[in-house]
Amino acid sequence: MTFDPFGDFDTAGYLQNSLQLKDPVEVKESEHLSFELSIEEALAYLAKKKPIDYQTVLKVHEILFSGFYHWAGKDRNELVPHLAVFKGSLDDPRSTVFERPDSIKMSVDYALKLAADKKRFRDHPGGVMGQLAFAHPFLDGNGRAILLVFMELCYRAGFAIEWSRTNKDDYLRALSDEIREPRGRHLDNYLNPFVVDISSRDEWPETISGIRGLDGLDKEDITYENLDNPQVQQIYKTYRAQPLDAEPPEPES
């Protein structure tokens, strides 16, 4: 099933893109071109923005993707507040369920709160990235917008992730596990070996351009259901059941 939350794929193309493209390869190429052309503007905006808040996240997405999507910078709660978005089948217990539209801002705010504790953030970078990914604020472009915000948060905390040493499949597997079960610290375990001391912002555009697949959650098997579906309501009652502010258990020595 084509991801068509607006219900007008046949006339407006994928997510009402500016070129009315329908072919997945053409959509991905044009969307990524918009991203590439806007990286430096988005990074410059982030460097000057204090503090980073929810509106900052929205603005970064707008800068990156407004050349391709007219709705860039608007979250799912504004665009499709009646839809649940997830990766995989509704009946598959291994599916990745993203935050309810009406709780997206709360989830992002919590991630930013975690990042504000700089020492804890350096020790647990996966918790922040996982929380941002779970929020999944936008219909598309989440991975790339979140990556830029995350890099700036890391910079302000005095460290960086050496992304060139990460592996796409391993990262996405750890990220999916983190979203499903944040108390397992799956993404911490994956990212911690790649934590390095702070790096110059000057290298970031080249670094980001060299990262492949970190936005992979955006288009792989993304589906949607109405929030009034009883099955969807039941999933949200049990998914990530622990409260947002629950402290994950320390790993056994």
C-alpha atoms as a PDB file:
ATOM      1  CA  MET A   1       0.000   0.000   0.000  1.00  0.00           C
ATOM      2  CA  THR A   2       1.342   3.401  -1.008  1.00  0.00           C
ATOM      3  CA  PHE A   3       1.810   5.782   1.902  1.00  0.00           C
ATOM      4  CA  ASP A   4      -1.017   8.190   1.000  1.00  0.00           C
ATOM      5  CA  PRO A   5      -2.281   9.959   4.144  1.00  0.00           C
ATOM      6  CA  PHE A   6      -3.709  12.861   2.111  1.00  0.00           C
ATOM      7  CA  GLY A   7      -5.670  10.502  -0.134  1.00  0.00           C
ATOM      8  CA  ASP A   8      -4.608  12.213  -3.368  1.00  0.00           C
ATOM      9  CA  PHE A   9      -1.596  10.212  -4.581  1.00  0.00           C
ATOM     10  CA  ASP A  10      -3.047   9.774  -8.091  1.00  0.00           C
ATOM     11  CA  THR A  11      -3.398  13.513  -8.671  1.00  0.00           C
ATOM     12  CA  ALA A  12      -0.770  15.127  -6.399  1.00  0.00           C
ATOM     13  CA  GLY A  13       1.899  12.442  -6.285  1.00  0.00           C
ATOM     14  CA  TYR A  14       3.701  11.184  -3.190  1.00  0.00           C
ATOM     15  CA  LEU A  15       2.784  13.405  -0.218  1.00  0.00           C
ATOM     16  CA  GLN A  16       1.803  16.293  -2.490  1.00  0.00           C
ATOM     17  CA  ASN A  17       5.400  16.903  -3.592  1.00  0.00           C
ATOM     18  CA  SER A  18       6.130  19.984  -5.681  1.00  0.00           C
ATOM     19  CA  LEU A  19       6.885  17.951  -8.824  1.00  0.00           C
ATOM     20  CA  GLN A  20       3.887  15.615  -8.392  1.00  0.00           C
ATOM     21  CA  LEU A  21       6.226  12.642  -8.601  1.00  0.00           C
ATOM     22  CA  LYS A  22       4.920   9.122  -7.984  1.00  0.00           C
ATOM     23  CA  ASP A  23       7.871   6.900  -8.782  1.00  0.00           C
ATOM     24  CA  PRO A  24       9.624   6.001  -5.486  1.00  0.00           C
ATOM     25  CA  VAL A  25      13.130   6.343  -6.948  1.00  0.00           C
ATOM     26  CA  GLU A  26      12.390   9.772  -8.435  1.00  0.00           C
ATOM     27  CA  VAL A  27      10.777  10.907  -5.186  1.00  0.00           C
ATOM     28  CA  LYS A  28      13.757   9.821  -3.116  1.00  0.00           C
ATOM     29  CA  GLU A  29      16.273  11.451  -5.475  1.00  0.00           C
ATOM     30  CA  SER A  30      14.425  14.786  -5.660  1.00  0.00           C
ATOM     31  CA  GLU A  31      13.731  14.836  -1.950  1.00  0.00           C
ATOM     32  CA  HIS A  32      17.387  14.175  -1.168  1.00  0.00           C
ATOM     33  CA  LEU A  33      18.484  16.902  -3.577  1.00  0.00           C
ATOM     34  CA  SER A  34      16.363  19.375  -1.610  1.00  0.00           C
ATOM     35  CA  PHE A  35      18.068  18.127   1.538  1.00  0.00           C
ATOM     36  CA  GLU A  36      21.593  18.383   0.104  1.00  0.00           C
ATOM     37  CA  LEU A  37      21.031  21.927  -1.144  1.00  0.00           C
ATOM     38  CA  SER A  38      19.795  23.066   2.265  1.00  0.00           C
ATOM     39  CA  ILE A  39      22.179  21.361   4.701  1.00  0.00           C
ATOM     40  CA  GLU A  40      24.434  24.375   5.230  1.00  0.00           C
ATOM     41  CA  GLU A  41      21.495  26.750   5.777  1.00  0.00           C
ATOM     42  CA  ALA A  42      19.942  24.377   8.308  1.00  0.00           C
ATOM     43  CA  LEU A  43      23.236  23.901  10.167  1.00  0.00           C
ATOM     44  CA  ALA A  44      23.830  27.668  10.276  1.00  0.00           C
ATOM     45  CA  TYR A  45      20.345  28.156  11.726  1.00  0.00           C
ATOM     46  CA  LEU A  46      20.959  25.498  14.379  1.00  0.00           C
ATOM     47  CA  ALA A  47      24.325  26.966  15.366  1.00  0.00           C
ATOM     48  CA  LYS A  48      22.708  30.319  16.161  1.00  0.00           C
ATOM     49  CA  LYS A  49      19.529  29.020  17.818  1.00  0.00           C
ATOM     50  CA  LYS A  50      19.495  29.102  21.611  1.00  0.00           C
ATOM     51  CA  PRO A  51      17.967  27.173  23.137  1.00  0.00           C
ATOM     52  CA  ILE A  52      16.981  24.336  20.825  1.00  0.00           C
ATOM     53  CA  ASP A  53      13.277  23.697  21.325  1.00  0.00           C
ATOM     54  CA  TYR A  54      10.386  22.065  19.481  1.00  0.00           C
ATOM     55  CA  GLN A  55       9.963  25.022  17.134  1.00  0.00           C
ATOM     56  CA  THR A  56      13.647  24.646  16.219  1.00  0.00           C
ATOM     57  CA  VAL A  57      13.041  21.070  15.104  1.00  0.00           C
ATOM     58  CA  LEU A  58      10.096  22.175  12.961  1.00  0.00           C
ATOM     59  CA  LYS A  59      12.133  24.988  11.400  1.00  0.00           C
ATOM     60  CA  VAL A  60      15.032  22.673  10.519  1.00  0.00           C
ATOM     61  CA  HIS A  61      12.633  20.396   8.657  1.00  0.00           C
ATOM     62  CA  GLU A  62      11.134  23.395   6.868  1.00  0.00           C
ATOM     63  CA  ILE A  63      14.569  24.618   5.753  1.00  0.00           C
ATOM     64  CA  LEU A  64      15.578  21.169   4.520  1.00  0.00           C
ATOM     65  CA  PHE A  65      12.470  20.139   2.631  1.00  0.00           C
ATOM     66  CA  SER A  66      10.360  23.189   1.731  1.00  0.00           C
ATOM     67  CA  GLY A  67      11.782  23.007  -1.793  1.00  0.00           C
ATOM     68  CA  PHE A  68      10.002  19.676  -2.283  1.00  0.00           C
ATOM     69  CA  TYR A  69       7.107  19.563   0.196  1.00  0.00           C
ATOM     70  CA  HIS A  70       4.786  22.528   0.754  1.00  0.00           C
ATOM     71  CA  TRP A  71       3.974  21.167   4.230  1.00  0.00           C
ATOM     72  CA  ALA A  72       7.609  21.017   5.377  1.00  0.00           C
ATOM     73  CA  GLY A  73       7.952  22.203   8.967  1.00  0.00           C
ATOM     74  CA  LYS A  74       4.442  21.093   9.931  1.00  0.00           C
ATOM     75  CA  ASP A  75       4.155  18.064  12.200  1.00  0.00           C
ATOM     76  CA  ARG A  76       1.821  15.094  11.891  1.00  0.00           C
ATOM     77  CA  ASN A  77      -0.473  16.468  14.569  1.00  0.00           C
ATOM     78  CA  GLU A  78      -1.164  19.506  12.396  1.00  0.00           C
ATOM     79  CA  LEU A  79      -1.456  17.603   9.107  1.00  0.00           C
ATOM     80  CA  VAL A  80      -3.010  14.221   9.948  1.00  0.00           C
ATOM     81  CA  PRO A  81      -4.003  14.231  13.640  1.00  0.00           C
ATOM     82  CA  HIS A  82      -6.329  11.264  13.085  1.00  0.00           C
ATOM     83  CA  LEU A  83      -3.672   8.854  11.810  1.00  0.00           C
ATOM     84  CA  ALA A  84      -1.275   6.476  13.548  1.00  0.00           C
ATOM     85  CA  VAL A  85       1.933   5.902  11.586  1.00  0.00           C
ATOM     86  CA  PHE A  86       4.092   2.810  11.957  1.00  0.00           C
ATOM     87  CA  LYS A  87       6.673   0.697  10.139  1.00  0.00           C
ATOM     88  CA  GLY A  88       5.593  -2.820   9.295  1.00  0.00           C
ATOM     89  CA  SER A  89       2.301  -4.657   9.583  1.00  0.00           C
ATOM     90  CA  LEU A  90      -0.285  -3.841  12.214  1.00  0.00           C
ATOM     91  CA  ASP A  91      -0.403  -7.531  13.101  1.00  0.00           C
ATOM     92  CA  ASP A  92       3.379  -7.961  13.418  1.00  0.00           C
ATOM     93  CA  PRO A  93       4.604  -7.657  17.039  1.00  0.00           C
ATOM     94  CA  ARG A  94       8.003  -6.568  15.678  1.00  0.00           C
ATOM     95  CA  SER A  95       6.534  -3.534  13.919  1.00  0.00           C
ATOM     96  CA  THR A  96       7.838  -0.118  14.903  1.00  0.00           C
ATOM     97  CA  VAL A  97       5.070   2.081  16.284  1.00  0.00           C
ATOM     98  CA  PHE A  98       5.659   5.822  16.288  1.00  0.00           C
ATOM     99  CA  GLU A  99       4.287   8.347  18.753  1.00  0.00           C
ATOM    100  CA  ARG A 100       0.638   9.379  18.678  1.00  0.00           C
ATOM    101  CA  PRO A 101       0.209  12.678  16.792  1.00  0.00           C
ATOM    102  CA  ASP A 102      -1.053  14.519  19.871  1.00  0.00           C
ATOM    103  CA  SER A 103       2.014  13.463  21.889  1.00  0.00           C
ATOM    104  CA  ILE A 104       4.763  14.276  19.365  1.00  0.00           C
ATOM    105  CA  LYS A 105       5.726  17.577  20.967  1.00  0.00           C
ATOM    106  CA  MET A 106       5.874  15.976  24.407  1.00  0.00           C
ATOM    107  CA  SER A 107       8.210  13.276  23.116  1.00  0.00           C
ATOM    108  CA  VAL A 108      10.547  15.768  21.425  1.00  0.00           C
ATOM    109  CA  ASP A 109      10.538  17.997  24.499  1.00  0.00           C
ATOM    110  CA  TYR A 110      11.527  15.006  26.612  1.00  0.00           C
ATOM    111  CA  ALA A 111      14.413  14.165  24.268  1.00  0.00           C
ATOM    112  CA  LEU A 112      15.655  17.757  24.502  1.00  0.00           C
ATOM    113  CA  LYS A 113      15.384  17.576  28.300  1.00  0.00           C
ATOM    114  CA  LEU A 114      17.539  14.439  28.311  1.00  0.00           C
ATOM    115  CA  ALA A 115      20.116  16.155  26.097  1.00  0.00           C
ATOM    116  CA  ALA A 116      20.326  19.127  28.465  1.00  0.00           C
ATOM    117  CA  ASP A 117      22.051  16.895  31.052  1.00  0.00           C
ATOM    118  CA  LYS A 118      25.352  16.933  29.173  1.00  0.00           C
ATOM    119  CA  LYS A 119      27.185  14.258  31.146  1.00  0.00           C
ATOM    120  CA  ARG A 120      24.279  11.836  31.052  1.00  0.00           C
ATOM    121  CA  PHE A 121      23.756  12.600  27.360  1.00  0.00           C
ATOM    122  CA  ARG A 122      27.342  11.642  26.501  1.00  0.00           C
ATOM    123  CA  ASP A 123      26.923   8.355  28.366  1.00  0.00           C
ATOM    124  CA  HIS A 124      23.492   7.681  26.857  1.00  0.00           C
ATOM    125  CA  PRO A 125      23.296   9.250  23.372  1.00  0.00           C
ATOM    126  CA  GLY A 126      21.058   6.461  22.118  1.00  0.00           C
ATOM    127  CA  GLY A 127      18.280   7.418  24.516  1.00  0.00           C
ATOM    128  CA  VAL A 128      18.068  10.895  23.005  1.00  0.00           C
ATOM    129  CA  MET A 129      18.244   9.746  19.386  1.00  0.00           C
ATOM    130  CA  GLY A 130      15.749   6.963  20.054  1.00  0.00           C
ATOM    131  CA  GLN A 131      13.287   9.342  21.668  1.00  0.00           C
ATOM    132  CA  LEU A 132      13.526  11.761  18.734  1.00  0.00           C
ATOM    133  CA  ALA A 133      13.045   8.906  16.279  1.00  0.00           C
ATOM    134  CA  PHE A 134      10.056   7.556  18.223  1.00  0.00           C
ATOM    135  CA  ALA A 135       8.445  11.001  18.071  1.00  0.00           C
ATOM    136  CA  HIS A 136       8.630  10.804  14.246  1.00  0.00           C
ATOM    137  CA  PRO A 137       7.285  14.345  13.934  1.00  0.00           C
ATOM    138  CA  PHE A 138       6.939  14.494  10.143  1.00  0.00           C
ATOM    139  CA  LEU A 139       5.328  12.539   7.339  1.00  0.00           C
ATOM    140  CA  ASP A 140       8.755  12.221   5.699  1.00  0.00           C
ATOM    141  CA  GLY A 141      12.311  13.446   6.180  1.00  0.00           C
ATOM    142  CA  ASN A 142      12.440  12.536   9.870  1.00  0.00           C
ATOM    143  CA  GLY A 143      15.797  10.783   9.840  1.00  0.00           C
ATOM    144  CA  ARG A 144      17.665  13.620   8.196  1.00  0.00           C
ATOM    145  CA  ALA A 145      16.062  16.469  10.139  1.00  0.00           C
ATOM    146  CA  ILE A 146      16.569  14.627  13.426  1.00  0.00           C
ATOM    147  CA  LEU A 147      20.184  13.803  12.549  1.00  0.00           C
ATOM    148  CA  LEU A 148      21.078  17.498  12.160  1.00  0.00           C
ATOM    149  CA  VAL A 149      19.377  18.423  15.430  1.00  0.00           C
ATOM    150  CA  PHE A 150      21.060  15.503  17.194  1.00  0.00           C
ATOM    151  CA  MET A 151      24.518  16.497  15.897  1.00  0.00           C
ATOM    152  CA  GLU A 152      24.056  20.035  17.220  1.00  0.00           C
ATOM    153  CA  LEU A 153      22.891  18.724  20.594  1.00  0.00           C
ATOM    154  CA  CYS A 154      25.969  16.497  20.769  1.00  0.00           C
ATOM    155  CA  TYR A 155      28.210  19.431  19.853  1.00  0.00           C
ATOM    156  CA  ARG A 156      26.780  21.515  22.681  1.00  0.00           C
ATOM    157  CA  ALA A 157      27.407  18.631  25.075  1.00  0.00           C
ATOM    158  CA  GLY A 158      31.059  18.438  23.982  1.00  0.00           C
ATOM    159  CA  PHE A 159      31.097  15.240  21.923  1.00  0.00           C
ATOM    160  CA  ALA A 160      30.277  13.806  18.521  1.00  0.00           C
ATOM    161  CA  ILE A 161      29.344  10.476  16.965  1.00  0.00           C
ATOM    162  CA  GLU A 162      31.872   9.171  14.441  1.00  0.00           C
ATOM    163  CA  TRP A 163      29.193   8.373  11.880  1.00  0.00           C
ATOM    164  CA  SER A 164      31.697   7.241   9.232  1.00  0.00           C
ATOM    165  CA  ARG A 165      32.378   4.131  11.321  1.00  0.00           C
ATOM    166  CA  THR A 166      28.713   3.182  11.738  1.00  0.00           C
ATOM    167  CA  ASN A 167      26.938   0.605   9.596  1.00  0.00           C
ATOM    168  CA  LYS A 168      23.544   1.368   8.086  1.00  0.00           C
ATOM    169  CA  ASP A 169      21.885  -1.981   8.791  1.00  0.00           C
ATOM    170  CA  ASP A 170      23.284  -2.329  12.298  1.00  0.00           C
ATOM    171  CA  TYR A 171      22.305   1.250  13.152  1.00  0.00           C
ATOM    172  CA  LEU A 172      18.744   0.879  11.866  1.00  0.00           C
ATOM    173  CA  ARG A 173      18.324  -2.424  13.697  1.00  0.00           C
ATOM    174  CA  ALA A 174      19.487  -0.862  16.954  1.00  0.00           C
ATOM    175  CA  LEU A 175      17.291   2.182  16.358  1.00  0.00           C
ATOM    176  CA  SER A 176      14.192   0.054  15.759  1.00  0.00           C
ATOM    177  CA  ASP A 177      14.916  -1.964  18.904  1.00  0.00           C
ATOM    178  CA  GLU A 178      15.431   1.269  20.850  1.00  0.00           C
ATOM    179  CA  ILE A 179      12.075   2.644  19.723  1.00  0.00           C
ATOM    180  CA  ARG A 180      10.304  -0.567  20.705  1.00  0.00           C
ATOM    181  CA  GLU A 181      12.112  -1.090  24.002  1.00  0.00           C
ATOM    182  CA  PRO A 182      13.947   2.032  25.232  1.00  0.00           C
ATOM    183  CA  ARG A 183      14.799   0.500  28.604  1.00  0.00           C
ATOM    184  CA  GLY A 184      17.014  -2.023  26.817  1.00  0.00           C
ATOM    185  CA  ARG A 185      19.488   0.724  25.823  1.00  0.00           C
ATOM    186  CA  HIS A 186      19.956  -0.887  22.430  1.00  0.00           C
ATOM    187  CA  LEU A 187      21.088   2.306  20.730  1.00  0.00           C
ATOM    188  CA  ASP A 188      23.401   3.287  23.585  1.00  0.00           C
ATOM    189  CA  ASN A 189      25.122  -0.052  23.191  1.00  0.00           C
ATOM    190  CA  TYR A 190      25.531   0.540  19.474  1.00  0.00           C
ATOM    191  CA  LEU A 191      26.573   4.220  19.505  1.00  0.00           C
ATOM    192  CA  ASN A 192      28.820   4.358  22.574  1.00  0.00           C
ATOM    193  CA  PRO A 193      31.896   2.902  20.799  1.00  0.00           C
ATOM    194  CA  PHE A 194      31.634   5.713  18.247  1.00  0.00           C
ATOM    195  CA  VAL A 195      31.514   8.596  20.743  1.00  0.00           C
ATOM    196  CA  VAL A 196      34.481  10.939  20.239  1.00  0.00           C
ATOM    197  CA  ASP A 197      35.509  14.343  21.505  1.00  0.00           C
ATOM    198  CA  ILE A 198      33.969  17.398  19.907  1.00  0.00           C
ATOM    199  CA  SER A 199      34.628  17.992  16.188  1.00  0.00           C
ATOM    200  CA  SER A 200      34.577  21.165  14.137  1.00  0.00           C
ATOM    201  CA  ARG A 201      31.250  22.151  12.628  1.00  0.00           C
ATOM    202  CA  ASP A 202      33.123  22.965   9.396  1.00  0.00           C
ATOM    203  CA  GLU A 203      33.268  19.270   8.513  1.00  0.00           C
ATOM    204  CA  TRP A 204      29.584  18.566   9.058  1.00  0.00           C
ATOM    205  CA  PRO A 205      28.133  19.117   5.558  1.00  0.00           C
ATOM    206  CA  GLU A 206      30.661  16.681   4.075  1.00  0.00           C
ATOM    207  CA  THR A 207      30.144  14.234   6.943  1.00  0.00           C
ATOM    208  CA  ILE A 208      26.368  14.301   6.573  1.00  0.00           C
ATOM    209  CA  SER A 209      26.527  13.924   2.798  1.00  0.00           C
ATOM    210  CA  GLY A 210      28.627  10.810   3.310  1.00  0.00           C
ATOM    211  CA  ILE A 211      26.132   9.117   5.611  1.00  0.00           C
ATOM    212  CA  ARG A 212      24.058   6.563   3.782  1.00  0.00           C
ATOM    213  CA  GLY A 213      20.764   5.152   4.953  1.00  0.00           C
ATOM    214  CA  LEU A 214      20.367   6.882   8.295  1.00  0.00           C
ATOM    215  CA  ASP A 215      16.991   8.140   7.072  1.00  0.00           C
ATOM    216  CA  GLY A 216      15.895   4.621   6.195  1.00  0.00           C
ATOM    217  CA  LEU A 217      12.967   4.537   8.601  1.00  0.00           C
ATOM    218  CA  ASP A 218      11.203   7.181   6.531  1.00  0.00           C
ATOM    219  CA  LYS A 219      10.105   5.061   3.599  1.00  0.00           C
ATOM    220  CA  GLU A 220      10.555   1.378   4.403  1.00  0.00           C
ATOM    221  CA  ASP A 221       7.143  -0.230   4.844  1.00  0.00           C
ATOM    222  CA  ILE A 222       5.577   2.892   6.350  1.00  0.00           C
ATOM    223  CA  THR A 223       1.837   2.407   6.825  1.00  0.00           C
ATOM    224  CA  TYR A 224      -0.937   4.192   8.641  1.00  0.00           C
ATOM    225  CA  GLU A 225      -4.229   3.469  10.384  1.00  0.00           C
ATOM    226  CA  ASN A 226      -6.973   5.587  11.833  1.00  0.00           C
ATOM    227  CA  LEU A 227      -6.558   6.255  15.537  1.00  0.00           C
ATOM    228  CA  ASP A 228     -10.131   5.155  16.210  1.00  0.00           C
ATOM    229  CA  ASN A 229      -9.225   1.610  15.116  1.00  0.00           C
ATOM    230  CA  PRO A 230      -9.621  -0.517  18.305  1.00  0.00           C
ATOM    231  CA  GLN A 231      -6.534  -2.555  17.380  1.00  0.00           C
ATOM    232  CA  VAL A 232      -4.463   0.637  17.143  1.00  0.00           C
ATOM    233  CA  GLN A 233      -5.827   1.876  20.460  1.00  0.00           C
ATOM    234  CA  GLN A 234      -4.848  -1.410  22.117  1.00  0.00           C
ATOM    235  CA  ILE A 235      -1.317  -1.202  20.702  1.00  0.00           C
ATOM    236  CA  TYR A 236      -0.831   2.268  22.166  1.00  0.00           C
ATOM    237  CA  LYS A 237      -1.980   1.056  25.585  1.00  0.00           C
ATOM    238  CA  THR A 238       0.864  -1.449  25.796  1.00  0.00           C
ATOM    239  CA  TYR A 239       3.607  -0.083  23.513  1.00  0.00           C
ATOM    240  CA  ARG A 240       6.526   1.437  25.405  1.00  0.00           C
ATOM    241  CA  ALA A 241       4.440   0.943  28.538  1.00  0.00           C
ATOM    242  CA  GLN A 242       6.935   2.507  30.955  1.00  0.00           C
ATOM    243  CA  PRO A 243       6.515   6.234  31.675  1.00  0.00           C
ATOM    244  CA  LEU A 244       8.659   8.674  29.703  1.00  0.00           C
ATOM    245  CA  ASP A 245      10.637   9.687  32.755  1.00  0.00           C
ATOM    246  CA  ALA A 246      11.392   6.128  33.868  1.00  0.00           C
ATOM    247  CA  GLU A 247      15.093   5.627  34.497  1.00  0.00           C
ATOM    248  CA  PRO A 248      16.484   2.686  32.501  1.00  0.00           C
ATOM    249  CA  PRO A 249      18.122  -0.036  34.587  1.00  0.00           C
ATOM    250  CA  GLU A 250      21.909  -0.075  34.762  1.00  0.00           C
ATOM    251  CA  PRO A 251      23.436  -2.903  32.705  1.00  0.00           C
ATOM    252  CA  GLU A 252      24.737  -5.874  34.666  1.00  0.00           C
ATOM    253  CA  SER A 253      28.484  -5.996  35.143  1.00  0.00           C
END
